Amino acid sequence: MLGGPAPAWADEETPAEPPRVELVLDVSGSMRARDIDGRSRISVAQQAFNEVVDALPEETQLGIRVLGATYKGKDKKVGCQDTQQIVPVGQVDRTQAKAAVATLRPTGFTPVGLALRSAAQDLGTGATARRIVLITDGEDTCAPPDPCEVARELAAQGTKLVVDTLGLAPDEKVRRQLLCIANATGGTYTAAQSADELTGRIKQLVDRARDTYTAAPAVVGGSARCPDAPLLAPGVYTDREQFSEHRWYRVPVRPGQELRASVSIALDRPVNPDYGVLLRATAPDGRELVRGVDAGSGRTDVVSAGLRWSAAADSDDADEGETPSPAPGDSGATPTTVCLVVSNALAPRPGTRATPGMPIELTVDVVASSPAPGGPDLGRGWVLLMLLTLAGLLTGLVAGLLTRWWVATWREN
């Protein structure tokens, strides 16, 4: 019999709460630059916001936060606290929202990290994934807090928060910072070089919130060894794993069932090249049942591995005293405890923080076993061989007759 608590379940039902999005706009002094279609960056952003507000789906709750919009002085300590929410998250009054955006004038510093942390608080908590769309033309000028570290901090809290970033300036440092923020939270980075690109991308991201606001993966904490590992039911789970760590989970699999599992590790910070992730299924006594492995060279931002194992593959893997049922998936049969272990061969680059751990997503499913392929049918094999031989003979005979006819005709001419 399996001991311990009942399996954890990932919520598969679509929550009733609406999608929630907050737009975070940089209004620092550099937004005065007139290099997008001959217009200032701020005017292009204001136009984009107006069009997004007009096209906003009724069920989407939207908020707007700005940074660097009010303090005109040179005191960095004061300027780096300059972030305000000008439209609260909720059903939008379109006239009020557009009026608030129209009054914005490029002013101060660029406290991106603080604005992200504040935006997460604006969106609150809930059962669904929430989105922040950050639009900026420059890197943070106020760290600490470093915006990449803030993004990792938010992701590590299991707050189900996705940050998408949009860059308005072709600057490599800005690109790297925005890409880091997006990667840490499972978001996207886009460089917007025109008003149409900016408007279209913001609309796309706001619309995407409607498609991705269903229940996020359940948060689970793997253990250092199998006996203490959490018991998982079919579902999608999220966890954090340190560099070169092993994390264990348990899954009950009944006779006649097949375990299917996969894991993805997001590389949300710089790592050394030549790495890998390993997913293994073992019996409770430590015997390995099956493994899946993937490796990378540093050119991807996600590595994944998967495996399949059937409870009928090795009856000795069952716990002692189990009596397998002949009926596949019979709920009365005693399940086998399968231990899943996620391992990684990742190493941080010099200067890269090791905490929090790398984000992992574990998918677990238990289905009826696929029927094993039967042995080769010798009778059918001989019939097929005879048919092929006969077809070859007929083809050769026809080809020979045609050749003789052609030669005879050629000689007569």
Protein backbone atom coordinates (compact mmCIF):
# COMPACT_ATOMS: atom_id res chain seq x y z
CA MET A 1 0.00 0.00 0.00
CA LEU A 2 1.14 3.55 -0.61
CA GLY A 3 1.85 5.60 2.47
CA GLY A 4 1.88 9.33 2.94
CA PRO A 5 -0.57 12.02 1.89
CA ALA A 6 -2.94 11.84 -1.03
CA PRO A 7 -1.47 12.83 -4.41
CA ALA A 8 -1.25 16.50 -5.25
CA TRP A 9 -3.56 17.49 -8.09
CA ALA A 10 -2.97 20.17 -10.70
CA ASP A 11 -6.17 22.15 -11.28
CA GLU A 12 -7.46 21.35 -14.76
CA GLU A 13 -10.62 23.44 -14.63
CA THR A 14 -10.74 26.88 -16.18
CA PRO A 15 -11.01 29.43 -13.36
CA ALA A 16 -13.84 31.92 -13.42
CA GLU A 17 -11.64 34.96 -12.80
CA PRO A 18 -10.96 37.21 -15.82
CA PRO A 19 -7.57 37.73 -17.50
CA ARG A 20 -5.53 40.50 -15.85
CA VAL A 21 -2.87 42.61 -17.59
CA GLU A 22 -0.87 45.68 -16.61
CA LEU A 23 0.98 47.88 -19.12
CA VAL A 24 4.15 49.41 -17.65
CA LEU A 25 5.41 52.41 -19.65
CA ASP A 26 8.79 54.09 -19.38
CA VAL A 27 8.31 57.90 -19.35
CA SER A 28 11.92 58.78 -18.55
CA GLY A 29 13.73 61.67 -20.28
CA SER A 30 15.08 59.51 -23.11
CA MET A 31 11.53 58.96 -24.39
CA ARG A 32 11.73 62.43 -25.94
CA ALA A 33 13.97 61.07 -28.73
CA ARG A 34 12.39 61.47 -32.17
CA ASP A 35 13.57 58.34 -33.94
CA ILE A 36 10.44 56.26 -34.59
CA ASP A 37 8.80 57.22 -37.90
CA GLY A 38 10.06 60.78 -37.32
CA ARG A 39 8.09 61.05 -34.08
CA SER A 40 9.03 61.00 -30.42
CA ARG A 41 9.04 57.66 -28.66
CA ILE A 42 6.49 58.84 -26.11
CA SER A 43 4.01 60.00 -28.76
CA VAL A 44 4.25 56.65 -30.52
CA ALA A 45 3.67 54.85 -27.20
CA GLN A 46 0.67 57.08 -26.39
CA GLN A 47 -0.91 56.34 -29.75
CA ALA A 48 -0.34 52.62 -29.24
CA PHE A 49 -1.91 52.73 -25.78
CA ASN A 50 -4.97 54.57 -27.13
CA GLU A 51 -5.51 51.96 -29.84
CA VAL A 52 -5.03 49.11 -27.39
CA VAL A 53 -7.54 50.62 -24.95
CA ASP A 54 -10.09 51.06 -27.76
CA ALA A 55 -9.68 47.43 -28.85
CA LEU A 56 -9.58 45.96 -25.34
CA PRO A 57 -11.77 42.83 -24.92
CA GLU A 58 -14.60 43.44 -22.47
CA GLU A 59 -13.62 40.58 -20.17
CA THR A 60 -9.97 41.68 -19.81
CA GLN A 61 -9.02 43.69 -16.74
CA LEU A 62 -6.30 46.22 -17.60
CA GLY A 63 -4.11 48.54 -15.56
CA ILE A 64 -1.44 51.08 -16.53
CA ARG A 65 1.67 51.93 -14.51
CA VAL A 66 4.36 54.46 -15.45
CA LEU A 67 7.93 55.06 -14.36
CA GLY A 68 10.01 58.23 -14.50
CA ALA A 69 6.92 60.34 -15.18
CA THR A 70 6.78 62.96 -12.44
CA TYR A 71 10.15 63.85 -10.84
CA LYS A 72 12.05 66.55 -12.76
CA GLY A 73 14.96 66.98 -10.34
CA LYS A 74 18.44 65.45 -10.27
CA ASP A 75 18.30 63.71 -6.89
CA LYS A 76 18.70 60.07 -7.93
CA LYS A 77 17.46 58.75 -4.61
CA VAL A 78 14.15 60.54 -5.12
CA GLY A 79 13.95 59.95 -8.87
CA CYS A 80 14.44 56.21 -8.46
CA GLN A 81 11.21 56.01 -6.45
CA ASP A 82 9.22 57.58 -9.31
CA THR A 83 6.61 55.03 -10.37
CA GLN A 84 2.83 55.39 -10.21
CA GLN A 85 -0.23 53.43 -11.26
CA ILE A 86 -2.33 55.83 -13.37
CA VAL A 87 -5.07 53.32 -14.25
CA PRO A 88 -6.02 50.68 -11.65
CA VAL A 89 -6.37 47.07 -12.79
CA GLY A 90 -10.01 46.39 -13.58
CA GLN A 91 -12.74 47.13 -16.09
CA VAL A 92 -11.37 50.09 -18.05
CA ASP A 93 -13.06 53.44 -18.46
CA ARG A 94 -11.65 54.08 -21.95
CA THR A 95 -12.07 57.87 -21.84
CA GLN A 96 -10.40 58.16 -18.45
CA ALA A 97 -7.54 55.84 -19.42
CA LYS A 98 -6.74 57.71 -22.64
CA ALA A 99 -6.90 61.04 -20.82
CA ALA A 100 -4.40 59.78 -18.23
CA VAL A 101 -2.00 58.60 -20.95
CA ALA A 102 -2.31 61.87 -22.90
CA THR A 103 -0.91 63.92 -20.01
CA LEU A 104 2.38 61.98 -19.81
CA ARG A 105 5.57 63.91 -20.52
CA PRO A 106 9.11 62.39 -20.51
CA THR A 107 10.74 63.46 -17.27
CA GLY A 108 13.05 61.45 -15.06
CA PHE A 109 14.98 58.31 -14.21
CA THR A 110 14.28 54.66 -15.18
CA PRO A 111 13.44 52.52 -12.10
CA VAL A 112 12.44 49.40 -14.04
CA GLY A 113 13.04 46.95 -11.18
CA LEU A 114 10.90 48.91 -8.73
CA ALA A 115 8.14 49.34 -11.34
CA LEU A 116 8.03 45.59 -12.00
CA ARG A 117 7.78 44.78 -8.31
CA SER A 118 4.99 47.35 -7.92
CA ALA A 119 3.14 46.05 -11.00
CA ALA A 120 3.13 42.55 -9.54
CA GLN A 121 1.48 43.95 -6.42
CA ASP A 122 -1.06 45.82 -8.60
CA LEU A 123 -2.13 42.57 -10.25
CA GLY A 124 -2.54 40.75 -6.95
CA THR A 125 -2.78 37.00 -6.57
CA GLY A 126 -5.16 34.42 -7.94
CA ALA A 127 -5.50 31.04 -9.60
CA THR A 128 -4.67 32.30 -13.08
CA ALA A 129 -1.54 33.53 -14.83
CA ARG A 130 -1.27 37.32 -15.01
CA ARG A 131 0.75 39.42 -17.48
CA ILE A 132 2.89 42.52 -17.32
CA VAL A 133 3.81 44.21 -20.60
CA LEU A 134 6.89 46.42 -20.10
CA ILE A 135 7.59 49.09 -22.74
CA THR A 136 10.92 50.92 -22.37
CA ASP A 137 13.70 52.48 -24.43
CA GLY A 138 16.50 52.09 -21.91
CA GLU A 139 18.01 49.91 -19.24
CA ASP A 140 17.38 50.43 -15.55
CA THR A 141 19.27 53.46 -14.19
CA CYS A 142 18.33 52.87 -10.57
CA ALA A 143 19.52 49.36 -9.64
CA PRO A 144 19.28 48.02 -7.04
CA PRO A 145 16.88 46.40 -7.34
CA ASP A 146 18.19 44.89 -10.55
CA PRO A 147 15.21 44.19 -12.85
CA CYS A 148 16.50 40.72 -13.79
CA GLU A 149 16.76 39.79 -10.13
CA VAL A 150 13.28 41.19 -9.50
CA ALA A 151 11.91 39.04 -12.35
CA ARG A 152 13.56 35.92 -10.90
CA GLU A 153 12.29 36.85 -7.46
CA LEU A 154 8.72 37.14 -8.75
CA ALA A 155 8.98 33.86 -10.65
CA ALA A 156 10.40 32.07 -7.60
CA GLN A 157 7.44 33.19 -5.51
CA GLY A 158 5.16 31.05 -7.66
CA THR A 159 2.98 34.08 -8.35
CA LYS A 160 2.05 32.84 -11.86
CA LEU A 161 3.28 36.07 -13.39
CA VAL A 162 4.50 36.48 -16.99
CA VAL A 163 6.46 39.57 -18.07
CA ASP A 164 6.62 40.43 -21.78
CA THR A 165 9.09 43.16 -22.77
CA LEU A 166 9.13 45.61 -25.67
CA GLY A 167 12.27 47.59 -26.54
CA LEU A 168 11.98 50.93 -28.32
CA ALA A 169 15.70 51.55 -28.89
CA PRO A 170 18.19 49.43 -30.88
CA ASP A 171 20.61 49.10 -27.97
CA GLU A 172 22.37 45.82 -27.12
CA LYS A 173 22.48 46.42 -23.35
CA VAL A 174 18.76 47.17 -23.32
CA ARG A 175 18.05 44.08 -25.40
CA ARG A 176 20.01 41.83 -23.03
CA GLN A 177 18.26 43.22 -19.97
CA LEU A 178 14.78 42.94 -21.43
CA LEU A 179 15.50 39.44 -22.70
CA CYS A 180 16.67 38.44 -19.22
CA ILE A 181 13.47 39.79 -17.64
CA ALA A 182 11.29 37.95 -20.14
CA ASN A 183 13.19 34.66 -19.87
CA ALA A 184 13.00 34.66 -16.08
CA THR A 185 9.19 34.69 -16.15
CA GLY A 186 8.41 32.73 -19.32
CA GLY A 187 7.59 35.88 -21.30
CA THR A 188 8.75 37.23 -24.65
CA TYR A 189 11.02 40.04 -25.85
CA THR A 190 10.31 42.11 -28.96
CA ALA A 191 12.12 45.08 -30.52
CA ALA A 192 9.56 47.59 -31.85
CA GLN A 193 11.00 49.80 -34.62
CA SER A 194 7.79 51.48 -35.79
CA ALA A 195 4.46 52.70 -34.48
CA ASP A 196 2.61 49.87 -36.24
CA GLU A 197 4.96 47.26 -34.76
CA LEU A 198 4.49 48.62 -31.26
CA THR A 199 0.70 48.85 -31.49
CA GLY A 200 0.35 45.43 -33.09
CA ARG A 201 2.58 43.72 -30.55
CA ILE A 202 0.87 45.23 -27.50
CA LYS A 203 -2.53 44.21 -28.88
CA GLN A 204 -1.24 40.71 -29.50
CA LEU A 205 0.08 40.39 -25.94
CA VAL A 206 -3.13 41.71 -24.39
CA ASP A 207 -5.15 39.29 -26.53
CA ARG A 208 -2.81 36.48 -25.52
CA ALA A 209 -3.80 37.03 -21.91
CA ARG A 210 -7.27 35.75 -22.82
CA ASP A 211 -5.78 32.52 -24.14
CA THR A 212 -3.28 31.90 -21.33
CA TYR A 213 -5.15 32.95 -18.22
CA THR A 214 -6.28 29.40 -17.47
CA ALA A 215 -4.89 27.80 -14.34
CA ALA A 216 -1.12 27.94 -14.19
CA PRO A 217 0.93 24.86 -13.21
CA ALA A 218 0.56 23.79 -9.59
CA VAL A 219 3.52 24.67 -7.38
CA VAL A 220 5.21 21.61 -5.88
CA GLY A 221 8.43 21.08 -3.96
CA GLY A 222 10.57 18.08 -4.89
CA SER A 223 12.69 16.41 -2.21
CA ALA A 224 16.27 15.17 -1.93
CA ARG A 225 15.22 11.49 -1.91
CA CYS A 226 12.32 9.35 -3.06
CA PRO A 227 10.75 8.30 0.28
CA ASP A 228 10.16 11.95 1.19
CA ALA A 229 9.03 13.05 -2.27
CA PRO A 230 5.56 14.54 -2.90
CA LEU A 231 3.00 12.18 -4.42
CA LEU A 232 1.74 13.55 -7.75
CA ALA A 233 -1.44 12.88 -9.71
CA PRO A 234 -1.64 13.58 -13.47
CA GLY A 235 -1.17 17.30 -14.13
CA VAL A 236 1.36 20.06 -14.75
CA TYR A 237 3.63 21.22 -11.95
CA THR A 238 6.27 23.88 -11.45
CA ASP A 239 9.29 23.80 -9.16
CA ARG A 240 12.79 25.28 -8.78
CA GLU A 241 16.04 23.32 -9.05
CA GLN A 242 19.52 24.46 -8.05
CA PHE A 243 22.51 23.96 -10.34
CA SER A 244 23.60 20.27 -10.51
CA GLU A 245 20.76 19.23 -8.19
CA HIS A 246 18.53 16.13 -8.08
CA ARG A 247 14.85 16.58 -7.18
CA TRP A 248 12.53 13.63 -6.49
CA TYR A 249 8.79 13.11 -6.96
CA ARG A 250 6.53 10.04 -6.69
CA VAL A 251 3.73 8.88 -9.00
CA PRO A 252 1.38 5.93 -8.34
CA VAL A 253 0.93 3.74 -11.42
CA ARG A 254 -1.54 0.82 -11.38
CA PRO A 255 -1.19 -2.44 -13.32
CA GLY A 256 -2.28 -1.96 -16.90
CA GLN A 257 -1.33 1.75 -16.84
CA GLU A 258 1.49 3.66 -18.49
CA LEU A 259 3.36 6.60 -16.99
CA ARG A 260 4.25 9.43 -19.32
CA ALA A 261 6.34 12.27 -17.94
CA SER A 262 8.34 15.18 -19.28
CA VAL A 263 10.36 18.00 -17.77
CA SER A 264 11.54 21.35 -19.11
CA ILE A 265 14.14 23.58 -17.47
CA ALA A 266 14.16 27.25 -18.46
CA LEU A 267 17.62 28.76 -18.70
CA ASP A 268 16.70 32.10 -17.14
CA ARG A 269 20.32 33.21 -16.60
CA PRO A 270 23.70 32.71 -18.31
CA VAL A 271 25.04 29.16 -18.01
CA ASN A 272 28.16 27.46 -19.27
CA PRO A 273 27.83 25.62 -22.60
CA ASP A 274 27.57 21.84 -22.87
CA TYR A 275 24.88 21.01 -20.36
CA GLY A 276 22.08 18.50 -20.01
CA VAL A 277 18.91 17.54 -18.17
CA LEU A 278 18.05 14.00 -17.14
CA LEU A 279 14.63 12.58 -16.19
CA ARG A 280 14.65 9.08 -14.68
CA ALA A 281 11.96 6.71 -13.40
CA THR A 282 13.12 4.32 -10.71
CA ALA A 283 11.60 1.65 -8.49
CA PRO A 284 11.41 2.43 -4.75
CA ASP A 285 14.53 0.32 -4.15
CA GLY A 286 16.52 2.52 -6.52
CA ARG A 287 16.53 0.29 -9.63
CA GLU A 288 16.30 2.40 -12.77
CA LEU A 289 13.27 1.64 -14.96
CA VAL A 290 13.75 4.09 -17.82
CA ARG A 291 15.41 7.42 -18.52
CA GLY A 292 15.12 10.39 -20.87
CA VAL A 293 17.91 12.86 -21.51
CA ASP A 294 18.49 16.06 -23.47
CA ALA A 295 21.59 18.17 -23.91
CA GLY A 296 22.36 21.63 -25.20
CA SER A 297 25.28 23.81 -26.21
CA GLY A 298 24.04 27.17 -24.94
CA ARG A 299 22.01 28.13 -27.99
CA THR A 300 18.58 27.41 -26.53
CA ASP A 301 16.75 28.86 -23.54
CA VAL A 302 14.88 25.65 -22.62
CA VAL A 303 16.04 22.03 -22.34
CA SER A 304 13.56 19.18 -22.05
CA ALA A 305 13.47 15.42 -21.54
CA GLY A 306 10.68 12.85 -21.42
CA LEU A 307 10.02 9.18 -20.73
CA ARG A 308 7.36 6.45 -20.86
CA TRP A 309 7.05 3.39 -18.62
CA SER A 310 4.35 0.74 -18.36
CA ALA A 311 3.46 -0.97 -15.09
CA ALA A 312 3.32 -4.24 -17.03
CA ALA A 313 6.90 -3.85 -18.25
CA ASP A 314 8.40 -5.43 -15.14
CA SER A 315 6.07 -6.98 -12.58
CA ASP A 316 8.98 -7.19 -10.12
CA ASP A 317 8.97 -3.39 -9.88
CA ALA A 318 5.74 -3.45 -7.91
CA ASP A 319 5.87 -2.91 -4.16
CA GLU A 320 6.19 -6.10 -2.15
CA GLY A 321 2.84 -7.76 -1.51
CA GLU A 322 1.04 -6.20 -4.49
CA THR A 323 -1.37 -8.35 -6.48
CA PRO A 324 -1.71 -6.98 -10.02
CA SER A 325 -5.24 -6.89 -11.36
CA PRO A 326 -5.92 -8.31 -14.83
CA ALA A 327 -8.14 -5.35 -15.69
CA PRO A 328 -6.16 -2.37 -17.09
CA GLY A 329 -6.54 0.69 -14.94
CA ASP A 330 -8.68 -1.14 -12.38
CA SER A 331 -9.02 1.30 -9.49
CA GLY A 332 -9.02 -1.59 -7.06
CA ALA A 333 -5.50 -2.71 -8.01
CA THR A 334 -2.62 -1.72 -5.76
CA PRO A 335 -0.43 0.85 -7.55
CA THR A 336 3.31 0.73 -8.04
CA THR A 337 5.22 3.65 -6.58
CA VAL A 338 7.36 5.10 -9.38
CA CYS A 339 10.01 7.58 -8.35
CA LEU A 340 10.74 10.41 -10.80
CA VAL A 341 14.03 12.24 -10.42
CA VAL A 342 14.96 15.41 -12.29
CA SER A 343 18.70 16.05 -12.57
CA ASN A 344 20.66 18.72 -14.38
CA ALA A 345 24.26 19.26 -15.42
CA LEU A 346 24.05 23.05 -15.47
CA ALA A 347 26.80 25.36 -14.24
CA PRO A 348 26.47 29.15 -13.85
CA ARG A 349 28.84 31.47 -15.63
CA PRO A 350 31.16 33.59 -13.48
CA GLY A 351 29.20 36.29 -11.68
CA THR A 352 25.82 34.59 -12.17
CA ARG A 353 23.73 34.14 -9.04
CA ALA A 354 22.81 30.57 -8.18
CA THR A 355 19.62 31.47 -6.31
CA PRO A 356 16.76 31.12 -6.76
CA GLY A 357 16.94 27.79 -8.55
CA MET A 358 16.20 27.30 -12.23
CA PRO A 359 12.47 27.12 -13.07
CA ILE A 360 11.30 23.66 -14.09
CA GLU A 361 7.96 22.46 -15.42
CA LEU A 362 7.04 18.83 -14.86
CA THR A 363 4.18 17.19 -16.76
CA VAL A 364 2.80 13.89 -15.45
CA ASP A 365 0.17 11.69 -17.08
CA VAL A 366 -1.01 8.14 -16.42
CA VAL A 367 -2.95 6.42 -19.21
CA ALA A 368 -3.98 2.93 -20.21
CA SER A 369 -0.95 0.95 -21.39
CA SER A 370 -0.35 0.89 -25.11
CA PRO A 371 -0.68 -2.66 -26.48
CA ALA A 372 2.71 -4.25 -26.97
CA PRO A 373 3.49 -5.14 -30.56
CA GLY A 374 2.91 -8.83 -31.27
CA GLY A 375 5.56 -11.18 -32.61
CA PRO A 376 6.25 -11.26 -36.34
CA ASP A 377 3.61 -13.10 -38.32
CA LEU A 378 5.67 -15.61 -40.33
CA GLY A 379 2.73 -16.73 -42.44
CA ARG A 380 1.91 -13.22 -43.56
CA GLY A 381 5.61 -12.62 -44.20
CA TRP A 382 5.85 -15.58 -46.60
CA VAL A 383 2.72 -14.53 -48.47
CA LEU A 384 4.14 -11.03 -48.95
CA LEU A 385 7.48 -12.46 -50.10
CA MET A 386 5.78 -14.71 -52.67
CA LEU A 387 3.72 -11.81 -54.01
CA LEU A 388 6.81 -9.66 -54.39
CA THR A 389 8.67 -12.49 -56.14
CA LEU A 390 5.79 -13.10 -58.55
CA ALA A 391 5.53 -9.39 -59.31
CA GLY A 392 9.26 -9.31 -60.04
CA LEU A 393 9.04 -12.27 -62.41
CA LEU A 394 6.12 -10.78 -64.31
CA THR A 395 7.88 -7.41 -64.56
CA GLY A 396 11.03 -9.09 -65.91
CA LEU A 397 9.03 -11.13 -68.43
CA VAL A 398 7.18 -8.08 -69.76
CA ALA A 399 10.39 -6.07 -69.93
CA GLY A 400 12.12 -8.90 -71.88
CA LEU A 401 9.29 -9.19 -74.41
CA LEU A 402 9.25 -5.42 -74.97
CA THR A 403 13.01 -5.38 -75.44
CA ARG A 404 12.92 -8.20 -78.03
CA TRP A 405 10.14 -6.43 -79.93
CA TRP A 406 12.06 -3.16 -79.95
CA VAL A 407 15.29 -4.81 -81.19
CA ALA A 408 13.42 -6.67 -83.94
CA THR A 409 11.71 -3.48 -85.08
CA TRP A 410 15.00 -1.54 -85.11
CA ARG A 411 16.71 -4.15 -87.29
CA GLU A 412 13.87 -4.14 -89.85
CA ASN A 413 14.23 -0.37 -90.18
